[in-house]
N, C-alpha and C. Protein backbone atom coordinates (compact mmCIF):
# COMPACT_ATOMS: atom_id res chain seq x y z
N MET A 1 21.61 -16.94 2.82
CA MET A 1 21.02 -17.73 1.92
C MET A 1 19.79 -17.89 2.85
N GLN A 2 18.58 -18.28 2.53
CA GLN A 2 17.26 -19.13 3.58
C GLN A 2 16.45 -19.36 2.89
N GLY A 3 16.23 -20.86 3.01
CA GLY A 3 15.07 -21.70 2.37
C GLY A 3 15.10 -21.05 0.78
N GLY A 4 16.69 -21.18 0.21
CA GLY A 4 16.75 -21.07 -1.18
C GLY A 4 16.63 -19.28 -1.85
N ARG A 5 16.56 -18.75 -0.68
CA ARG A 5 15.74 -17.46 -1.17
C ARG A 5 17.02 -16.57 -0.50
N CYS A 6 17.62 -15.65 -1.45
CA CYS A 6 18.59 -14.74 -1.12
C CYS A 6 17.88 -13.53 -0.75
N TYR A 7 18.71 -13.07 0.67
CA TYR A 7 18.32 -12.08 1.22
C TYR A 7 19.24 -10.63 1.25
N ASN A 8 18.71 -9.99 1.30
CA ASN A 8 19.53 -8.59 0.53
C ASN A 8 18.83 -7.31 2.14
N SER A 9 19.33 -7.01 3.48
CA SER A 9 18.51 -5.70 3.79
C SER A 9 18.46 -4.90 3.69
N ASP A 10 19.63 -4.22 2.15
CA ASP A 10 19.47 -3.15 2.05
C ASP A 10 18.25 -2.74 0.44
N LEU A 11 17.97 -4.01 0.11
CA LEU A 11 16.63 -4.41 -0.59
C LEU A 11 15.10 -3.73 -0.19
N ASN A 12 14.60 -2.73 -0.78
CA ASN A 12 13.48 -2.26 -0.19
C ASN A 12 12.22 -2.95 -1.20
N VAL A 13 11.28 -3.27 -1.03
CA VAL A 13 10.21 -3.42 -2.19
C VAL A 13 9.06 -2.86 -2.26
N LEU A 14 8.84 -2.45 -2.96
CA LEU A 14 6.95 -1.68 -3.37
C LEU A 14 6.32 -2.86 -3.79
N VAL A 15 4.88 -3.08 -3.30
CA VAL A 15 4.76 -4.01 -3.91
C VAL A 15 3.42 -3.19 -4.76
N ASN A 16 2.93 -2.99 -6.18
CA ASN A 16 2.18 -2.28 -6.69
C ASN A 16 0.82 -3.14 -7.04
N LEU A 17 -0.28 -2.09 -6.86
CA LEU A 17 -1.56 -3.27 -7.16
C LEU A 17 -2.37 -3.52 -8.32
N SER A 18 -2.23 -4.74 -8.36
CA SER A 18 -2.50 -5.64 -9.85
C SER A 18 -3.81 -5.11 -10.00
N LYS A 19 -4.47 -5.09 -11.40
CA LYS A 19 -5.81 -4.97 -11.71
C LYS A 19 -6.98 -5.56 -11.06
N VAL A 20 -6.60 -7.11 -10.54
CA VAL A 20 -7.86 -7.46 -9.50
C VAL A 20 -7.99 -6.78 -8.54
N ASP A 21 -6.79 -5.84 -8.00
CA ASP A 21 -6.63 -5.55 -6.80
C ASP A 21 -7.19 -4.35 -6.80
N GLN A 22 -7.08 -3.50 -7.88
CA GLN A 22 -7.34 -2.36 -8.18
C GLN A 22 -9.14 -2.51 -8.49
N LEU A 23 -9.78 -3.36 -8.55
CA LEU A 23 -10.62 -4.06 -8.70
C LEU A 23 -11.68 -3.79 -7.33
N PHE A 24 -11.17 -5.07 -6.80
CA PHE A 24 -11.81 -5.14 -5.47
C PHE A 24 -11.70 -3.25 -4.35
N VAL A 25 -10.61 -3.19 -4.11
CA VAL A 25 -9.99 -1.60 -3.78
C VAL A 25 -11.27 -0.69 -4.23
N ALA A 26 -11.42 -0.53 -5.32
CA ALA A 26 -12.99 0.46 -5.84
C ALA A 26 -14.05 0.13 -5.25
N LEU A 27 -14.52 -1.13 -4.65
CA LEU A 27 -15.22 -1.59 -4.20
C LEU A 27 -15.63 -1.03 -2.76
N LYS A 28 -15.67 0.01 -2.35
CA LYS A 28 -15.33 0.51 -0.89
C LYS A 28 -15.98 -0.16 0.30
N PHE A 29 -16.51 -0.89 -0.14
CA PHE A 29 -17.33 -1.18 1.24
C PHE A 29 -17.07 -2.88 1.57
N ILE A 30 -15.83 -3.31 0.68
CA ILE A 30 -15.11 -4.69 1.08
C ILE A 30 -13.80 -4.36 0.66
N ALA A 31 -13.32 -2.98 1.10
CA ALA A 31 -12.20 -2.45 -0.06
C ALA A 31 -11.04 -2.72 1.73
N PRO A 32 -11.47 -2.42 2.61
CA PRO A 32 -10.60 -2.64 3.67
C PRO A 32 -9.99 -4.05 4.02
N LEU A 33 -11.21 -4.80 4.05
CA LEU A 33 -11.20 -6.17 4.56
C LEU A 33 -10.67 -7.09 3.49
N TYR A 34 -10.29 -6.44 1.92
CA TYR A 34 -9.80 -7.24 1.45
C TYR A 34 -8.24 -6.87 1.15
N MET A 35 -8.38 -5.77 1.50
CA MET A 35 -6.26 -5.35 2.18
C MET A 35 -5.80 -6.38 3.30
N ARG A 36 -6.43 -6.11 4.12
CA ARG A 36 -6.04 -7.13 5.07
C ARG A 36 -5.57 -8.32 4.81
N TYR A 37 -6.53 -9.15 4.26
CA TYR A 37 -6.18 -10.21 3.85
C TYR A 37 -5.38 -10.15 2.64
N ARG A 38 -5.17 -9.60 1.65
CA ARG A 38 -4.43 -9.56 0.67
C ARG A 38 -2.89 -9.68 0.79
N PHE A 39 -2.67 -8.48 1.45
CA PHE A 39 -1.23 -7.86 1.70
C PHE A 39 -0.44 -8.75 3.42
N ARG A 40 -1.44 -9.41 4.32
CA ARG A 40 -0.87 -10.06 5.45
C ARG A 40 -0.09 -10.69 5.18
N SER A 41 0.21 -11.81 4.39
CA SER A 41 1.33 -12.53 4.24
C SER A 41 2.37 -11.44 3.39
N LEU A 42 2.14 -10.56 2.85
CA LEU A 42 3.48 -9.55 1.82
C LEU A 42 3.62 -8.55 3.59
N SER A 43 2.99 -8.24 4.42
CA SER A 43 3.78 -7.80 5.24
C SER A 43 4.33 -8.34 6.38
N ARG A 44 4.57 -9.60 6.06
CA ARG A 44 5.45 -10.28 6.86
C ARG A 44 7.10 -10.46 6.69
N GLU A 45 7.33 -10.34 4.90
CA GLU A 45 8.52 -10.25 4.25
C GLU A 45 9.43 -9.19 5.10
N SER A 46 10.53 -9.18 5.29
CA SER A 46 10.85 -8.23 5.62
C SER A 46 11.45 -7.09 4.44
N SER A 47 11.38 -7.38 3.44
CA SER A 47 11.73 -6.47 2.54
C SER A 47 10.61 -5.67 1.98
N VAL A 48 9.66 -6.13 2.26
CA VAL A 48 8.69 -5.46 1.62
C VAL A 48 7.94 -4.14 3.00
N ILE A 49 8.40 -3.19 1.92
CA ILE A 49 8.44 -1.77 3.21
C ILE A 49 6.66 -0.97 2.87
N ALA A 50 6.14 -0.87 1.68
CA ALA A 50 5.08 -0.27 1.46
C ALA A 50 3.77 -1.20 0.17
N ILE A 51 3.10 -0.36 0.07
CA ILE A 51 1.84 -0.71 -1.05
C ILE A 51 1.69 0.51 -1.78
N ASN A 52 1.83 0.64 -3.56
CA ASN A 52 2.17 1.29 -3.86
C ASN A 52 0.94 1.44 -4.84
N MET A 53 0.40 2.45 -5.10
CA MET A 53 -1.03 2.66 -5.58
C MET A 53 -1.45 4.32 -6.29
N HIS A 54 -2.33 3.84 -7.63
CA HIS A 54 -2.51 5.62 -7.74
C HIS A 54 -3.63 5.98 -6.73
N TYR A 55 -3.45 7.37 -6.45
CA TYR A 55 -4.15 8.42 -5.88
C TYR A 55 -5.76 7.83 -5.75
N ARG A 56 -6.07 7.73 -6.33
CA ARG A 56 -8.04 7.44 -6.77
C ARG A 56 -8.35 6.29 -5.73
N TYR A 57 -7.38 5.09 -5.51
CA TYR A 57 -7.77 3.98 -4.80
C TYR A 57 -7.36 4.03 -3.59
N VAL A 58 -7.02 5.50 -3.15
CA VAL A 58 -6.51 5.82 -1.47
C VAL A 58 -7.54 6.35 -0.99
N SER A 59 -7.86 5.67 0.35
CA SER A 59 -9.03 6.11 1.32
C SER A 59 -8.40 5.83 2.91
N LYS A 60 -8.44 6.61 3.64
CA LYS A 60 -8.52 6.63 5.56
C LYS A 60 -8.37 5.10 5.62
N GLN A 61 -9.84 4.50 4.82
CA GLN A 61 -9.77 3.15 5.62
C GLN A 61 -8.53 2.13 5.19
N ILE A 62 -8.23 2.32 3.55
CA ILE A 62 -6.99 1.63 3.65
C ILE A 62 -6.25 1.86 3.92
N ILE A 63 -5.59 3.70 3.93
CA ILE A 63 -4.20 3.75 4.88
C ILE A 63 -4.24 3.08 6.08
N ARG A 64 -5.35 2.94 6.79
CA ARG A 64 -5.13 2.78 8.01
C ARG A 64 -5.07 0.93 8.05
N GLU A 65 -5.66 0.52 6.93
CA GLU A 65 -5.68 -1.26 7.22
C GLU A 65 -4.09 -1.44 6.51
N ILE A 66 -3.69 -0.71 5.57
CA ILE A 66 -2.46 -1.30 5.31
C ILE A 66 -1.10 -0.53 6.75
N HIS A 67 -1.69 0.19 7.07
CA HIS A 67 -0.59 0.80 8.12
C HIS A 67 -0.66 -0.23 9.60
N ASN A 68 -1.75 -0.70 9.52
CA ASN A 68 -1.87 -1.87 10.60
C ASN A 68 -1.37 -2.76 10.56
N LEU A 69 -1.07 -3.38 9.19
CA LEU A 69 0.09 -4.35 8.82
C LEU A 69 1.40 -3.88 8.56
N GLY A 70 1.95 -3.05 9.33
CA GLY A 70 3.30 -2.42 9.53
C GLY A 70 3.73 -1.67 8.16
N LEU A 71 3.21 -1.49 6.81
CA LEU A 71 3.28 -1.37 6.04
C LEU A 71 3.10 0.14 5.36
N GLU A 72 3.87 0.59 4.59
CA GLU A 72 3.73 2.28 4.32
C GLU A 72 2.30 2.32 3.15
N VAL A 73 1.87 3.32 2.76
CA VAL A 73 1.42 3.74 1.44
C VAL A 73 2.19 4.75 0.72
N TRP A 74 2.55 4.16 -0.51
CA TRP A 74 3.02 5.43 -1.29
C TRP A 74 2.22 5.23 -2.72
N VAL A 75 1.77 6.56 -3.12
CA VAL A 75 1.11 7.18 -4.26
C VAL A 75 1.95 7.42 -5.25
N TYR A 76 1.26 6.94 -6.55
CA TYR A 76 2.09 7.89 -7.77
C TYR A 76 1.91 9.06 -7.63
N THR A 77 3.12 9.62 -8.53
CA THR A 77 3.28 11.16 -8.20
C THR A 77 2.15 12.18 -8.65
N VAL A 78 1.78 12.72 -7.57
CA VAL A 78 0.94 13.35 -7.22
C VAL A 78 1.26 15.03 -7.61
N ASP A 79 0.60 15.76 -8.96
CA ASP A 79 1.29 17.34 -9.20
C ASP A 79 0.47 18.28 -9.31
N ASP A 80 -0.74 17.75 -8.67
CA ASP A 80 -1.53 19.04 -8.62
C ASP A 80 -1.50 19.53 -7.18
N ALA A 81 -1.51 20.47 -6.92
CA ALA A 81 -1.42 21.34 -5.77
C ALA A 81 -2.64 20.85 -4.35
N ASP A 82 -3.69 21.24 -5.41
CA ASP A 82 -5.55 20.84 -5.07
C ASP A 82 -5.51 19.30 -4.13
N LEU A 83 -4.73 18.36 -5.03
CA LEU A 83 -4.67 16.83 -4.80
C LEU A 83 -3.79 16.50 -3.98
N PHE A 84 -2.21 17.60 -4.05
CA PHE A 84 -1.56 16.75 -2.84
C PHE A 84 -2.15 17.39 -1.62
N SER A 85 -2.71 18.68 -1.36
CA SER A 85 -3.28 19.11 0.10
C SER A 85 -3.98 17.36 0.35
N HIS A 86 -5.24 17.50 -0.40
CA HIS A 86 -6.01 16.24 0.07
C HIS A 86 -5.31 15.47 0.58
N CYS A 87 -4.07 14.76 -0.22
CA CYS A 87 -3.48 13.58 0.34
C CYS A 87 -2.61 13.82 1.83
N LEU A 88 -2.30 15.38 2.22
CA LEU A 88 -1.96 15.05 3.47
C LEU A 88 -2.58 15.39 4.41
N GLN A 89 -4.14 15.48 3.89
CA GLN A 89 -4.92 15.86 4.82
C GLN A 89 -5.60 14.33 5.62
N MET A 90 -5.33 13.56 4.51
CA MET A 90 -5.08 12.00 4.83
C MET A 90 -3.92 11.27 5.64
N ALA A 91 -3.51 11.85 5.63
CA ALA A 91 -2.45 11.61 6.37
C ALA A 91 -1.51 10.34 5.51
N LEU A 92 -1.46 10.77 4.45
CA LEU A 92 -0.97 9.90 3.07
C LEU A 92 0.57 9.73 3.10
N ILE A 93 0.94 11.66 2.86
CA ILE A 93 2.28 11.72 2.32
C ILE A 93 2.60 12.21 4.51
N GLN A 94 3.64 11.55 4.54
CA GLN A 94 4.38 12.19 5.65
C GLN A 94 6.09 12.68 5.57
């Protein structure tokens, strides 16, 4: 226990985009800047490993910003083969 909080090194946390996050990410011209500042503090939490989002909100810029924070990008299940190929090309699925 540290600072009144229990830490479990075996616990991995995915952070889902909120409705507000989705709105800002949909505005492509500010999305990278928003992601950088929105998730900077979360990236310092050892249990947070990834940002989980719908594939519609993913772009190369978003991936780059999240990776620069030391986090992974996870997307909801992609069942379409063409869409899956597109995600691979963006280096989303590794």
